[in-house]
Amino acid sequence: MANKSFFNRAVLIAVLVLPALLYLFFVYGQNEVFFQTLKYVGPKTVVTTTEGFDTAYYEIPEFSLQATNGGTVTNETMDSTIYVLSFFFATCPTICPAMNFHMNELERRFKGYPEFEMVSITVDPEKDTPEKLEQYQKVNNYNASKWRFLTGDKEPIYALAKGVYLNAFEDQTAEGGFLHSTSAILIDWNGNIRSRKDDNGNIVGSYDVLDVTQLNDLEEDIKVLIAEYEREKHNKLDE
């Protein structure tokens, strides 16, 4: 009986520990050829360095927006953070509630990782003041410590959307008076847009959060990006 109990405990420990050991092995123990990474979205440029030439990957445009707590959020604020960025508006009568429902589920799955956040930017900043967005966040019980709802001036917001290859603009023929993408983008700790390739070898670029398959792809790609970031931090500690 004691041997059976010992065996059961050993099996339980193996089940709990083995995934962590495999994770550490593949993240830290393998060469880059065995390590999965995401592709960079956007045009690359060649820059001059002290050692010659190097490739600079596309970074999202600079922005400065207002948060619900009255503070300012910029590109620098989001440095060293992996985040999912989307556009919405609080009075949206159609797609936004479903979008943010799915985004909320996504946020919950990664709430234990401190360097992952969500950013949602309103396309109706005249109505969506910081106070209105704070109320919207509280009413919907969205995690204020992990999910930033931002507002600002209309034109810079629309320009930012264009700069990250998403749509955001006024349209009086649309319900609610605005049109915006149902897609979100994944941004790494350096401000680069990252994505997987599709089955045809094309970079996906963004993820439609109303599509269950694409939402699952986004979840998996967040995991890949987190592993990539942890590997990079580990390598820097070894230098």
Protein backbone atom coordinates (compact mmCIF):
# COMPACT_ATOMS: atom_id res chain seq x y z
CA MET A 1 0.00 0.00 0.00
CA ALA A 2 2.84 2.34 0.87
CA ASN A 3 4.59 1.53 -2.41
CA LYS A 4 1.41 2.30 -4.34
CA SER A 5 1.05 5.64 -2.55
CA PHE A 6 4.67 6.50 -3.29
CA PHE A 7 4.16 5.57 -6.95
CA ASN A 8 1.06 7.76 -7.22
CA ARG A 9 2.92 10.74 -5.71
CA ALA A 10 5.84 10.17 -8.08
CA VAL A 11 3.50 10.14 -11.09
CA LEU A 12 1.78 13.33 -9.89
CA ILE A 13 5.11 15.14 -9.43
CA ALA A 14 6.25 14.03 -12.88
CA VAL A 15 3.05 15.34 -14.46
CA LEU A 16 3.47 18.71 -12.74
CA VAL A 17 7.22 19.13 -13.22
CA LEU A 18 7.83 17.67 -16.69
CA PRO A 19 6.13 20.50 -18.68
CA ALA A 20 8.24 23.08 -16.84
CA LEU A 21 11.43 21.12 -17.49
CA LEU A 22 10.58 20.78 -21.18
CA TYR A 23 9.84 24.51 -21.37
CA LEU A 24 13.19 25.41 -19.84
CA PHE A 25 14.97 22.95 -22.11
CA PHE A 26 13.51 24.34 -25.31
CA VAL A 27 13.70 28.01 -24.30
CA TYR A 28 17.17 28.06 -22.81
CA GLY A 29 18.90 24.93 -23.99
CA GLN A 30 18.42 24.91 -27.74
CA ASN A 31 20.11 26.69 -30.61
CA GLU A 32 18.13 29.34 -32.48
CA VAL A 33 17.37 26.92 -35.32
CA PHE A 34 15.19 24.89 -32.93
CA PHE A 35 13.53 27.89 -31.31
CA GLN A 36 10.25 29.19 -32.67
CA THR A 37 9.98 32.95 -33.18
CA LEU A 38 7.43 35.28 -34.72
CA LYS A 39 7.97 37.33 -37.86
CA TYR A 40 8.33 41.11 -37.96
CA VAL A 41 5.51 43.08 -39.61
CA GLY A 42 6.20 46.15 -41.74
CA PRO A 43 9.03 47.41 -43.93
CA LYS A 44 12.62 46.93 -42.84
CA THR A 45 15.31 49.59 -43.19
CA VAL A 46 19.09 49.42 -43.32
CA VAL A 47 20.89 51.46 -40.65
CA THR A 48 24.53 52.29 -40.13
CA THR A 49 26.20 51.02 -36.96
CA THR A 50 29.70 51.16 -35.54
CA GLU A 51 30.23 47.66 -36.91
CA GLY A 52 28.86 48.39 -40.40
CA PHE A 53 25.23 47.89 -41.40
CA ASP A 54 22.28 46.31 -39.70
CA THR A 55 18.55 45.77 -40.26
CA ALA A 56 16.07 47.93 -38.35
CA TYR A 57 12.61 46.46 -38.05
CA TYR A 58 9.48 48.59 -38.34
CA GLU A 59 8.34 50.14 -35.06
CA ILE A 60 4.85 51.44 -34.41
CA PRO A 61 4.53 55.25 -34.73
CA GLU A 62 5.16 57.38 -31.67
CA PHE A 63 2.05 58.17 -29.66
CA SER A 64 1.04 60.07 -26.55
CA LEU A 65 -2.41 59.28 -25.16
CA GLN A 66 -4.37 59.77 -21.96
CA ALA A 67 -5.13 56.92 -19.58
CA THR A 68 -8.13 56.50 -17.30
CA ASN A 69 -6.03 57.49 -14.28
CA GLY A 70 -5.22 60.85 -15.86
CA GLY A 71 -1.67 59.90 -16.75
CA THR A 72 0.00 59.86 -20.15
CA VAL A 73 0.89 56.67 -21.98
CA THR A 74 3.55 56.75 -24.71
CA ASN A 75 5.75 54.32 -26.62
CA GLU A 76 8.31 54.64 -23.83
CA THR A 77 5.66 53.69 -21.25
CA MET A 78 5.20 50.38 -23.07
CA ASP A 79 8.91 49.59 -23.41
CA SER A 80 9.81 46.13 -22.10
CA THR A 81 6.15 45.12 -22.36
CA ILE A 82 4.43 42.66 -24.68
CA TYR A 83 0.96 43.95 -25.49
CA VAL A 84 -2.08 43.46 -27.69
CA LEU A 85 -3.42 46.68 -29.23
CA SER A 86 -6.92 47.23 -30.60
CA PHE A 87 -9.39 50.04 -31.35
CA PHE A 88 -12.96 50.42 -30.08
CA PHE A 89 -15.39 52.99 -28.64
CA ALA A 90 -17.43 52.79 -25.49
CA THR A 91 -20.84 53.51 -27.06
CA CYS A 92 -20.32 51.06 -29.92
CA PRO A 93 -23.65 49.23 -30.45
CA THR A 94 -22.35 46.36 -32.57
CA ILE A 95 -18.91 44.73 -32.63
CA CYS A 96 -17.10 46.28 -29.65
CA PRO A 97 -18.87 44.37 -26.86
CA ALA A 98 -18.03 41.05 -28.53
CA MET A 99 -14.47 42.18 -29.26
CA ASN A 100 -13.80 43.21 -25.68
CA PHE A 101 -15.48 40.09 -24.31
CA HIS A 102 -12.92 38.01 -26.19
CA MET A 103 -10.10 40.37 -25.27
CA ASN A 104 -11.09 40.07 -21.62
CA GLU A 105 -10.84 36.28 -21.82
CA LEU A 106 -7.42 36.68 -23.41
CA GLU A 107 -6.24 39.03 -20.67
CA ARG A 108 -7.30 36.56 -17.98
CA ARG A 109 -5.23 33.79 -19.51
CA PHE A 110 -2.06 35.87 -19.17
CA LYS A 111 -2.82 37.84 -16.01
CA GLY A 112 -0.04 36.00 -14.18
CA TYR A 113 2.67 37.26 -16.55
CA PRO A 114 3.70 40.75 -15.36
CA GLU A 115 5.18 41.93 -18.67
CA PHE A 116 2.03 41.36 -20.74
CA GLU A 117 -0.73 43.98 -21.10
CA MET A 118 -3.68 44.97 -23.25
CA VAL A 119 -4.18 48.40 -24.85
CA SER A 120 -7.50 49.54 -26.31
CA ILE A 121 -7.75 52.97 -27.92
CA THR A 122 -11.04 54.75 -28.50
CA VAL A 123 -11.93 56.03 -31.97
CA ASP A 124 -14.45 58.44 -30.40
CA PRO A 125 -12.28 60.54 -28.09
CA GLU A 126 -14.72 63.44 -27.95
CA LYS A 127 -17.17 61.29 -25.98
CA ASP A 128 -14.71 58.82 -24.50
CA THR A 129 -12.91 61.02 -21.98
CA PRO A 130 -10.61 59.42 -19.40
CA GLU A 131 -13.47 59.59 -16.90
CA LYS A 132 -15.92 57.88 -19.30
CA LEU A 133 -13.40 55.16 -20.09
CA GLU A 134 -12.72 54.60 -16.40
CA GLN A 135 -16.44 54.14 -15.84
CA TYR A 136 -16.64 51.81 -18.85
CA GLN A 137 -13.79 49.73 -17.43
CA LYS A 138 -15.38 49.49 -14.00
CA VAL A 139 -18.86 48.62 -15.28
CA ASN A 140 -17.43 45.78 -17.37
CA ASN A 141 -15.05 44.65 -14.62
CA TYR A 142 -11.99 44.87 -16.84
CA ASN A 143 -8.64 44.53 -15.07
CA ALA A 144 -7.32 48.08 -14.66
CA SER A 145 -3.83 46.87 -13.74
CA LYS A 146 -3.38 44.93 -17.00
CA TRP A 147 -5.68 46.58 -19.54
CA ARG A 148 -5.16 50.21 -20.54
CA PHE A 149 -8.05 52.14 -22.12
CA LEU A 150 -6.69 55.22 -23.84
CA THR A 151 -8.02 58.41 -25.44
CA GLY A 152 -6.57 61.57 -26.94
CA ASP A 153 -6.90 63.77 -30.01
CA LYS A 154 -8.83 62.27 -32.91
CA GLU A 155 -6.41 62.79 -35.79
CA PRO A 156 -3.32 61.34 -34.05
CA ILE A 157 -5.41 58.31 -33.04
CA TYR A 158 -6.51 57.72 -36.63
CA ALA A 159 -2.94 58.22 -37.83
CA LEU A 160 -1.73 55.67 -35.30
CA ALA A 161 -4.30 53.15 -36.52
CA LYS A 162 -3.06 53.62 -40.07
CA GLY A 163 0.52 53.27 -38.86
CA VAL A 164 -0.21 49.84 -37.37
CA TYR A 165 -2.18 48.71 -40.44
CA LEU A 166 -5.62 48.89 -38.84
CA ASN A 167 -8.67 51.01 -39.71
CA ALA A 168 -10.21 53.73 -37.56
CA PHE A 169 -12.31 56.61 -38.86
CA GLU A 170 -15.63 58.40 -38.67
CA ASP A 171 -18.46 57.11 -40.85
CA GLN A 172 -21.90 58.58 -40.34
CA THR A 173 -23.46 55.69 -42.27
CA ALA A 174 -22.11 53.16 -39.76
CA GLU A 175 -23.96 52.25 -36.58
CA GLY A 176 -22.55 54.44 -33.85
CA GLY A 177 -20.90 56.78 -36.38
CA PHE A 178 -17.49 55.10 -36.52
CA LEU A 179 -15.76 52.25 -38.29
CA HIS A 180 -12.72 50.39 -36.99
CA SER A 181 -10.98 47.07 -37.42
CA THR A 182 -12.11 44.04 -35.49
CA SER A 183 -8.49 42.96 -35.53
CA ALA A 184 -5.78 43.41 -32.93
CA ILE A 185 -2.02 43.46 -33.31
CA LEU A 186 0.69 41.92 -31.15
CA ILE A 187 3.57 44.23 -30.19
CA ASP A 188 6.84 43.12 -28.66
CA TRP A 189 9.00 44.73 -25.98
CA ASN A 190 10.82 46.87 -28.58
CA GLY A 191 7.71 48.32 -30.21
CA ASN A 192 7.82 45.94 -33.20
CA ILE A 193 4.64 44.36 -34.59
CA ARG A 194 5.00 40.59 -34.57
CA SER A 195 2.99 37.82 -36.20
CA ARG A 196 3.02 34.25 -37.46
CA LYS A 197 2.91 33.16 -41.10
CA ASP A 198 -0.19 31.55 -42.61
CA ASP A 199 -0.25 28.20 -44.40
CA ASN A 200 0.86 29.91 -47.63
CA GLY A 201 3.92 31.46 -46.02
CA ASN A 202 2.47 34.98 -45.81
CA ILE A 203 2.85 37.07 -42.67
CA VAL A 204 -0.58 37.36 -41.04
CA GLY A 205 0.02 40.80 -39.50
CA SER A 206 -3.11 41.05 -37.33
CA TYR A 207 -5.70 38.84 -35.67
CA ASP A 208 -9.48 39.18 -35.97
CA VAL A 209 -10.59 38.78 -32.36
CA LEU A 210 -14.13 37.91 -33.47
CA ASP A 211 -12.79 34.84 -35.24
CA VAL A 212 -12.24 31.96 -32.80
CA THR A 213 -9.46 30.41 -34.87
CA GLN A 214 -7.55 33.69 -35.13
CA LEU A 215 -8.13 34.38 -31.44
CA ASN A 216 -6.60 31.01 -30.60
CA ASP A 217 -3.70 31.80 -32.94
CA LEU A 218 -3.18 35.07 -31.07
CA GLU A 219 -3.11 33.26 -27.74
CA GLU A 220 -0.53 30.79 -29.03
CA ASP A 221 1.59 33.58 -30.53
CA ILE A 222 1.58 35.49 -27.24
CA LYS A 223 3.04 32.37 -25.64
CA VAL A 224 5.70 32.19 -28.35
CA LEU A 225 6.58 35.86 -27.88
CA ILE A 226 6.79 35.49 -24.09
CA ALA A 227 9.15 32.53 -24.52
CA GLU A 228 11.24 34.56 -26.97
CA TYR A 229 11.43 37.47 -24.54
CA GLU A 230 12.40 35.24 -21.63
CA ARG A 231 15.10 33.66 -23.77
CA GLU A 232 16.48 37.08 -24.71
CA LYS A 233 16.56 38.20 -21.07
CA HIS A 234 18.27 34.95 -20.09
CA ASN A 235 20.92 35.38 -22.81
CA LYS A 236 21.63 38.94 -21.70
CA LEU A 237 22.22 37.74 -18.14
CA ASP A 238 24.78 35.27 -19.49
CA GLU A 239 26.73 37.94 -21.39
